[in-house]
Amino acid sequence: MTKKTYLVNVAYLIDLTEEEYQEIGDKLIGSVENELALNKNHKLEWESSSTILLDPVTMNCGRCFNCSCWVTDREKPNPIDELNNGAIVEGRLLCDECLPENHRWAF
């Protein structure tokens, strides 16, 4: 049987001040680079990591009006794939969990 390679993306969100980020930013990146394993025969190899400072003013992101989770509006350009899907309903940005059940992006 031929093996195939899968790319597994994992995203974490953390709230830090600029000072905290300067102090522990490198430690954060280093901690995600540590080896992970599914079992003794299947180890995940670190490939890359990146940090994005979320800015709702210049990026397609914001907090859900109801639950405050980070979300990207899938109906606008440049959605951020790593964030929860969402959309604006009645002028309010809502995540896929808080959208009305009949909305196309509702979970």
C-alpha atoms as a PDB file:
ATOM      1  CA  MET A   1       0.000   0.000   0.000  1.00  0.00           C
ATOM      2  CA  THR A   2       1.388   3.436  -0.978  1.00  0.00           C
ATOM      3  CA  LYS A   3       1.692   6.045   1.744  1.00  0.00           C
ATOM      4  CA  LYS A   4       0.452   9.577   1.183  1.00  0.00           C
ATOM      5  CA  THR A   5       1.539  12.707   3.016  1.00  0.00           C
ATOM      6  CA  TYR A   6      -1.082  14.789   4.815  1.00  0.00           C
ATOM      7  CA  LEU A   7      -0.623  18.406   5.856  1.00  0.00           C
ATOM      8  CA  VAL A   8      -2.273  18.951   9.254  1.00  0.00           C
ATOM      9  CA  ASN A   9      -2.777  22.604  10.216  1.00  0.00           C
ATOM     10  CA  VAL A  10      -3.392  23.540  13.832  1.00  0.00           C
ATOM     11  CA  ALA A  11      -4.143  27.085  14.952  1.00  0.00           C
ATOM     12  CA  TYR A  12      -4.065  28.528  18.465  1.00  0.00           C
ATOM     13  CA  LEU A  13      -5.224  31.952  19.637  1.00  0.00           C
ATOM     14  CA  ILE A  14      -3.614  33.746  22.580  1.00  0.00           C
ATOM     15  CA  ASP A  15      -4.225  37.228  23.970  1.00  0.00           C
ATOM     16  CA  LEU A  16      -0.967  38.991  24.871  1.00  0.00           C
ATOM     17  CA  THR A  17       0.225  42.534  25.351  1.00  0.00           C
ATOM     18  CA  GLU A  18       3.077  43.648  23.085  1.00  0.00           C
ATOM     19  CA  GLU A  19       5.425  43.374  26.057  1.00  0.00           C
ATOM     20  CA  GLU A  20       4.281  39.812  26.811  1.00  0.00           C
ATOM     21  CA  TYR A  21       4.703  38.849  23.168  1.00  0.00           C
ATOM     22  CA  GLN A  22       8.229  40.270  23.093  1.00  0.00           C
ATOM     23  CA  GLU A  23       9.028  38.307  26.251  1.00  0.00           C
ATOM     24  CA  ILE A  24       7.540  34.905  25.348  1.00  0.00           C
ATOM     25  CA  GLY A  25       6.964  34.975  21.579  1.00  0.00           C
ATOM     26  CA  ASP A  26       9.966  32.802  20.767  1.00  0.00           C
ATOM     27  CA  LYS A  27       8.960  30.317  23.478  1.00  0.00           C
ATOM     28  CA  LEU A  28       5.508  30.054  21.903  1.00  0.00           C
ATOM     29  CA  ILE A  29       6.916  29.217  18.486  1.00  0.00           C
ATOM     30  CA  GLY A  30       9.372  26.759  20.044  1.00  0.00           C
ATOM     31  CA  SER A  31       6.617  24.968  21.935  1.00  0.00           C
ATOM     32  CA  VAL A  32       4.652  24.204  18.763  1.00  0.00           C
ATOM     33  CA  GLU A  33       7.812  22.927  17.087  1.00  0.00           C
ATOM     34  CA  ASN A  34       8.180  20.131  19.653  1.00  0.00           C
ATOM     35  CA  GLU A  35       7.621  16.652  18.274  1.00  0.00           C
ATOM     36  CA  LEU A  36       4.082  15.302  18.458  1.00  0.00           C
ATOM     37  CA  ALA A  37       3.163  11.666  17.960  1.00  0.00           C
ATOM     38  CA  LEU A  38      -0.064   9.833  17.285  1.00  0.00           C
ATOM     39  CA  ASN A  39       1.592   6.596  18.398  1.00  0.00           C
ATOM     40  CA  LYS A  40       5.105   5.104  18.330  1.00  0.00           C
ATOM     41  CA  ASN A  41       4.892   4.512  14.559  1.00  0.00           C
ATOM     42  CA  HIS A  42       3.350   7.834  13.535  1.00  0.00           C
ATOM     43  CA  LYS A  43       5.190  10.993  14.536  1.00  0.00           C
ATOM     44  CA  LEU A  44       4.185  14.423  13.303  1.00  0.00           C
ATOM     45  CA  GLU A  45       7.132  16.369  11.928  1.00  0.00           C
ATOM     46  CA  TRP A  46       7.192  20.119  12.398  1.00  0.00           C
ATOM     47  CA  GLU A  47       7.169  21.866   9.029  1.00  0.00           C
ATOM     48  CA  SER A  48       6.471  25.539   9.651  1.00  0.00           C
ATOM     49  CA  SER A  49       4.936  28.034  12.035  1.00  0.00           C
ATOM     50  CA  SER A  50       3.789  31.607  11.774  1.00  0.00           C
ATOM     51  CA  THR A  51       2.277  34.333  13.884  1.00  0.00           C
ATOM     52  CA  ILE A  52      -0.367  36.775  12.702  1.00  0.00           C
ATOM     53  CA  LEU A  53      -1.425  39.801  14.739  1.00  0.00           C
ATOM     54  CA  LEU A  54      -5.187  39.939  14.184  1.00  0.00           C
ATOM     55  CA  ASP A  55      -6.387  43.455  13.297  1.00  0.00           C
ATOM     56  CA  PRO A  56     -10.141  43.836  12.655  1.00  0.00           C
ATOM     57  CA  VAL A  57      -9.563  47.286  11.132  1.00  0.00           C
ATOM     58  CA  THR A  58      -7.370  46.038   8.270  1.00  0.00           C
ATOM     59  CA  MET A  59      -8.177  42.321   8.106  1.00  0.00           C
ATOM     60  CA  ASN A  60     -11.284  40.220   7.558  1.00  0.00           C
ATOM     61  CA  CYS A  61     -11.701  39.263  11.212  1.00  0.00           C
ATOM     62  CA  GLY A  62     -13.488  40.281  14.360  1.00  0.00           C
ATOM     63  CA  ARG A  63     -15.226  38.959  17.437  1.00  0.00           C
ATOM     64  CA  CYS A  64     -18.630  37.293  17.265  1.00  0.00           C
ATOM     65  CA  PHE A  65     -21.272  39.680  18.579  1.00  0.00           C
ATOM     66  CA  ASN A  66     -22.849  36.934  20.725  1.00  0.00           C
ATOM     67  CA  CYS A  67     -20.033  34.753  22.078  1.00  0.00           C
ATOM     68  CA  SER A  68     -16.887  36.858  21.384  1.00  0.00           C
ATOM     69  CA  CYS A  69     -14.945  34.090  19.603  1.00  0.00           C
ATOM     70  CA  TRP A  70     -12.696  35.200  16.752  1.00  0.00           C
ATOM     71  CA  VAL A  71     -14.348  34.860  13.354  1.00  0.00           C
ATOM     72  CA  THR A  72     -13.804  35.687   9.683  1.00  0.00           C
ATOM     73  CA  ASP A  73     -16.646  36.825   7.410  1.00  0.00           C
ATOM     74  CA  ARG A  74     -16.836  34.177   4.668  1.00  0.00           C
ATOM     75  CA  GLU A  75     -18.960  36.479   2.523  1.00  0.00           C
ATOM     76  CA  LYS A  76     -16.216  39.113   2.246  1.00  0.00           C
ATOM     77  CA  PRO A  77     -12.856  39.004   0.448  1.00  0.00           C
ATOM     78  CA  ASN A  78      -9.709  37.585   2.050  1.00  0.00           C
ATOM     79  CA  PRO A  79     -11.156  35.326   4.754  1.00  0.00           C
ATOM     80  CA  ILE A  80      -8.668  33.969   7.284  1.00  0.00           C
ATOM     81  CA  ASP A  81      -8.871  30.186   6.935  1.00  0.00           C
ATOM     82  CA  GLU A  82      -7.672  29.447  10.459  1.00  0.00           C
ATOM     83  CA  LEU A  83     -10.546  31.357  12.107  1.00  0.00           C
ATOM     84  CA  ASN A  84     -14.156  30.263  12.606  1.00  0.00           C
ATOM     85  CA  ASN A  85     -16.500  30.852   9.692  1.00  0.00           C
ATOM     86  CA  GLY A  86     -18.975  33.650  10.131  1.00  0.00           C
ATOM     87  CA  ALA A  87     -21.091  36.273   8.424  1.00  0.00           C
ATOM     88  CA  ILE A  88     -22.892  39.516   9.129  1.00  0.00           C
ATOM     89  CA  VAL A  89     -26.589  39.239   9.980  1.00  0.00           C
ATOM     90  CA  GLU A  90     -28.584  42.389  10.732  1.00  0.00           C
ATOM     91  CA  GLY A  91     -25.355  44.382  10.998  1.00  0.00           C
ATOM     92  CA  ARG A  92     -23.739  42.008  13.504  1.00  0.00           C
ATOM     93  CA  LEU A  93     -20.794  39.680  12.882  1.00  0.00           C
ATOM     94  CA  LEU A  94     -21.736  36.185  14.042  1.00  0.00           C
ATOM     95  CA  CYS A  95     -19.739  32.942  14.165  1.00  0.00           C
ATOM     96  CA  ASP A  96     -20.982  29.711  12.582  1.00  0.00           C
ATOM     97  CA  GLU A  97     -22.351  28.573  15.974  1.00  0.00           C
ATOM     98  CA  CYS A  98     -24.351  31.773  16.538  1.00  0.00           C
ATOM     99  CA  LEU A  99     -25.656  32.262  12.983  1.00  0.00           C
ATOM    100  CA  PRO A 100     -29.338  31.446  12.385  1.00  0.00           C
ATOM    101  CA  GLU A 101     -29.808  27.737  11.579  1.00  0.00           C
ATOM    102  CA  ASN A 102     -30.863  28.420   7.990  1.00  0.00           C
ATOM    103  CA  HIS A 103     -27.773  30.559   7.184  1.00  0.00           C
ATOM    104  CA  ARG A 104     -25.404  28.944   4.660  1.00  0.00           C
ATOM    105  CA  TRP A 105     -22.383  29.298   7.005  1.00  0.00           C
ATOM    106  CA  ALA A 106     -24.203  28.072  10.153  1.00  0.00           C
ATOM    107  CA  PHE A 107     -22.695  25.030  11.808  1.00  0.00           C
END
